[in-house]
Amino acid sequence: MKLLALVLLLSAFSSPTLAEVVKEFDKSKCSEFFIQSPNRKIAITPTVFTEKEYKQICQRWNNRYRFATLYDTQRRIPVYSAYTFSGGEHNDRNGEWKNEPQLENSTKGPDMEKISDEDMDEFSYQAVNRDYEESKSNTNTEYTRGHVFPNQGGSKSTQLPLVENMLAEKMSGRMNLKWIKSY
């Protein structure tokens, strides 16, 4: 039996989003990540803000939908993600960052793209390395990338280091040191 996990995160910090941008989650190919209505005709989704800065994204890699994200392009943060929880083993990521190309350019294809650190610095609607690097000097608080869809939340095939899955997370003491060193 699969558990459906829905992670809701609302934040005022800066961070990112990703894959195929859709008009409505409940009528998209990623509706499987949401609870189905009793009559199984529609998916029941959390609140979807209608302002233009909010984008509904079906995260897709290698022609397979992995999870869904509501993304705020103004604050450059994921608002929430929905995915099918499979849990289990810890999955080491390969370190190749990917992003949702349609956030930056609506004419791009629906699959996520591999990106370099240099590419990341060009994003307007997604958090970039300098957002995290400059946080300490601007706020006197150090932030790192936290996961909205956690590394251990899905199977190895669903875990991808995605720019749009990162949310600013306050550093404190030894928190996340192992994870940080892996990047």
Protein backbone atom coordinates (compact mmCIF):
# COMPACT_ATOMS: atom_id res chain seq x y z
CA MET A 1 0.00 0.00 0.00
CA LYS A 2 1.34 3.38 -0.91
CA LEU A 3 1.10 6.29 1.46
CA LEU A 4 0.41 9.67 0.00
CA ALA A 5 2.47 12.33 1.71
CA LEU A 6 1.70 15.98 1.29
CA VAL A 7 4.24 18.45 2.60
CA LEU A 8 2.99 21.98 3.14
CA LEU A 9 5.59 24.66 3.64
CA LEU A 10 4.83 28.33 3.64
CA SER A 11 7.81 30.59 4.13
CA ALA A 12 9.06 34.09 3.59
CA PHE A 13 12.60 32.96 2.81
CA SER A 14 14.09 32.83 -0.68
CA SER A 15 14.44 29.47 -2.48
CA PRO A 16 13.34 27.67 -5.76
CA THR A 17 10.82 25.47 -8.16
CA LEU A 18 10.79 23.02 -11.32
CA ALA A 19 9.63 20.51 -14.38
CA GLU A 20 6.41 20.76 -16.47
CA VAL A 21 4.38 23.88 -15.67
CA VAL A 22 0.65 23.06 -15.82
CA LYS A 23 -2.55 25.07 -15.47
CA GLU A 24 -4.28 22.80 -12.93
CA PHE A 25 -2.91 19.97 -10.77
CA ASP A 26 -6.23 18.13 -10.62
CA LYS A 27 -6.46 17.88 -14.41
CA SER A 28 -2.79 17.16 -15.05
CA LYS A 29 -0.71 14.03 -15.42
CA CYS A 30 0.62 14.50 -11.88
CA SER A 31 -2.80 14.33 -10.22
CA GLU A 32 -1.76 10.86 -8.97
CA PHE A 33 0.22 12.57 -6.18
CA PHE A 34 -2.93 14.02 -4.62
CA ILE A 35 -5.80 12.41 -2.75
CA GLN A 36 -8.54 11.28 -5.13
CA SER A 37 -12.18 12.27 -4.61
CA PRO A 38 -14.53 9.43 -3.56
CA ASN A 39 -15.87 9.17 -7.11
CA ARG A 40 -12.24 9.05 -8.43
CA LYS A 41 -13.02 11.70 -11.02
CA ILE A 42 -10.82 14.48 -9.66
CA ALA A 43 -7.80 14.93 -7.44
CA ILE A 44 -8.31 16.94 -4.26
CA THR A 45 -5.50 19.48 -4.10
CA PRO A 46 -4.48 21.92 -1.38
CA THR A 47 -4.97 25.63 -1.90
CA VAL A 48 -3.52 26.86 -5.16
CA PHE A 49 -2.91 30.59 -5.09
CA THR A 50 -4.08 32.27 -8.29
CA GLU A 51 -1.65 35.18 -8.46
CA LYS A 52 0.67 35.06 -11.48
CA GLU A 53 3.84 34.39 -9.44
CA TYR A 54 2.56 30.94 -8.37
CA LYS A 55 3.29 28.10 -10.78
CA GLN A 56 1.96 24.55 -10.62
CA ILE A 57 4.72 22.17 -11.63
CA CYS A 58 4.62 18.49 -12.44
CA GLN A 59 8.21 17.43 -11.79
CA ARG A 60 9.22 15.23 -14.70
CA TRP A 61 12.50 13.49 -15.52
CA ASN A 62 13.12 10.95 -18.30
CA ASN A 63 9.45 11.11 -19.33
CA ARG A 64 8.25 10.08 -15.86
CA TYR A 65 6.39 12.26 -13.35
CA ARG A 66 8.16 12.24 -9.96
CA PHE A 67 6.17 14.71 -7.78
CA ALA A 68 4.17 17.95 -7.92
CA THR A 69 5.19 21.38 -6.58
CA LEU A 70 3.42 24.69 -6.14
CA TYR A 71 6.20 27.25 -6.63
CA ASP A 72 6.39 30.97 -5.83
CA THR A 73 8.57 32.62 -8.51
CA GLN A 74 8.59 35.99 -6.73
CA ARG A 75 10.00 34.69 -3.44
CA ARG A 76 11.77 31.86 -5.29
CA ILE A 77 10.50 29.15 -2.94
CA PRO A 78 8.49 25.96 -3.17
CA VAL A 79 5.20 26.49 -1.31
CA TYR A 80 4.42 22.76 -1.10
CA SER A 81 5.15 19.47 -2.79
CA ALA A 82 3.00 16.36 -3.15
CA TYR A 83 4.47 12.92 -3.75
CA THR A 84 3.86 9.25 -3.13
CA PHE A 85 5.82 8.21 -0.07
CA SER A 86 7.71 4.96 -0.49
CA GLY A 87 10.37 5.51 2.19
CA GLY A 88 13.00 2.98 3.00
CA GLU A 89 16.66 3.18 2.19
CA HIS A 90 18.76 6.33 2.22
CA ASN A 91 19.48 7.45 -1.31
CA ASP A 92 22.74 9.16 -2.14
CA ARG A 93 22.28 11.82 -4.77
CA ASN A 94 24.64 12.06 -7.69
CA GLY A 95 25.14 15.81 -7.32
CA GLU A 96 24.00 16.72 -10.84
CA TRP A 97 21.57 19.60 -10.28
CA LYS A 98 18.43 19.82 -12.38
CA ASN A 99 15.80 22.50 -12.81
CA GLU A 100 12.40 23.13 -14.34
CA PRO A 101 13.27 24.97 -17.56
CA GLN A 102 9.72 26.29 -18.11
CA LEU A 103 10.01 28.59 -15.09
CA GLU A 104 12.67 30.62 -16.84
CA ASN A 105 11.52 30.08 -20.43
CA SER A 106 7.94 28.95 -21.19
CA THR A 107 8.94 27.62 -24.64
CA LYS A 108 11.25 24.95 -23.18
CA GLY A 109 10.27 21.27 -23.01
CA PRO A 110 8.55 19.60 -20.04
CA ASP A 111 11.49 17.48 -18.80
CA MET A 112 13.85 18.81 -16.17
CA GLU A 113 17.30 19.76 -17.43
CA LYS A 114 20.75 19.18 -15.97
CA ILE A 115 22.39 22.46 -15.01
CA SER A 116 25.82 23.70 -13.99
CA ASP A 117 26.70 26.16 -11.23
CA GLU A 118 27.20 28.79 -13.94
CA ASP A 119 23.72 28.14 -15.38
CA MET A 120 22.23 28.45 -11.90
CA ASP A 121 23.57 31.98 -11.51
CA GLU A 122 21.45 33.11 -14.46
CA PHE A 123 18.05 32.20 -12.97
CA SER A 124 15.51 34.95 -12.32
CA TYR A 125 12.71 32.88 -10.79
CA GLN A 126 14.63 30.17 -8.93
CA ALA A 127 17.02 30.46 -5.98
CA VAL A 128 20.69 30.33 -6.94
CA ASN A 129 23.96 29.64 -5.11
CA ARG A 130 24.56 33.29 -4.30
CA ASP A 131 21.21 33.51 -2.47
CA TYR A 132 22.60 31.07 0.08
CA GLU A 133 26.16 32.42 0.03
CA GLU A 134 25.05 36.03 0.60
CA SER A 135 22.53 35.17 3.32
CA LYS A 136 25.10 35.36 6.12
CA SER A 137 26.40 38.80 5.14
CA ASN A 138 22.90 40.22 4.48
CA THR A 139 21.05 38.76 7.47
CA ASN A 140 23.83 37.66 9.83
CA THR A 141 22.22 34.21 9.61
CA GLU A 142 23.55 31.37 7.52
CA TYR A 143 21.11 29.36 5.41
CA THR A 144 21.53 26.14 3.48
CA ARG A 145 19.33 24.18 1.10
CA GLY A 146 16.59 22.21 2.83
CA HIS A 147 14.43 19.66 1.00
CA VAL A 148 10.69 20.05 0.52
CA PHE A 149 10.54 16.50 -0.93
CA PRO A 150 13.03 14.80 1.41
CA ASN A 151 15.78 12.50 0.19
CA GLN A 152 14.34 9.54 2.10
CA GLY A 153 10.76 10.21 1.02
CA GLY A 154 10.88 8.38 -2.26
CA SER A 155 12.52 5.54 -4.06
CA LYS A 156 15.98 5.94 -5.54
CA SER A 157 14.41 6.50 -8.97
CA THR A 158 12.44 9.54 -7.75
CA GLN A 159 15.24 11.30 -5.91
CA LEU A 160 16.82 14.08 -7.91
CA PRO A 161 18.77 17.14 -6.74
CA LEU A 162 16.34 19.78 -7.98
CA VAL A 163 16.71 23.51 -7.62
CA GLU A 164 12.93 23.87 -7.20
CA ASN A 165 12.89 21.37 -4.31
CA MET A 166 15.16 23.51 -2.12
CA LEU A 167 13.92 25.76 0.65
CA ALA A 168 16.16 28.02 2.73
CA GLU A 169 16.91 26.31 6.03
CA LYS A 170 18.62 28.06 8.92
CA MET A 171 21.99 26.57 9.86
CA SER A 172 22.51 25.80 13.51
CA GLY A 173 25.38 23.92 15.11
CA ARG A 174 26.09 20.57 13.48
CA MET A 175 22.76 20.41 11.65
CA ASN A 176 23.03 19.10 8.09
CA LEU A 177 26.84 18.94 8.09
CA LYS A 178 26.88 15.46 6.54
CA TRP A 179 24.39 16.53 3.87
CA ILE A 180 26.27 19.76 3.10
CA LYS A 181 29.57 17.91 2.66
CA SER A 182 27.96 15.65 0.04
CA TYR A 183 27.49 18.65 -2.23
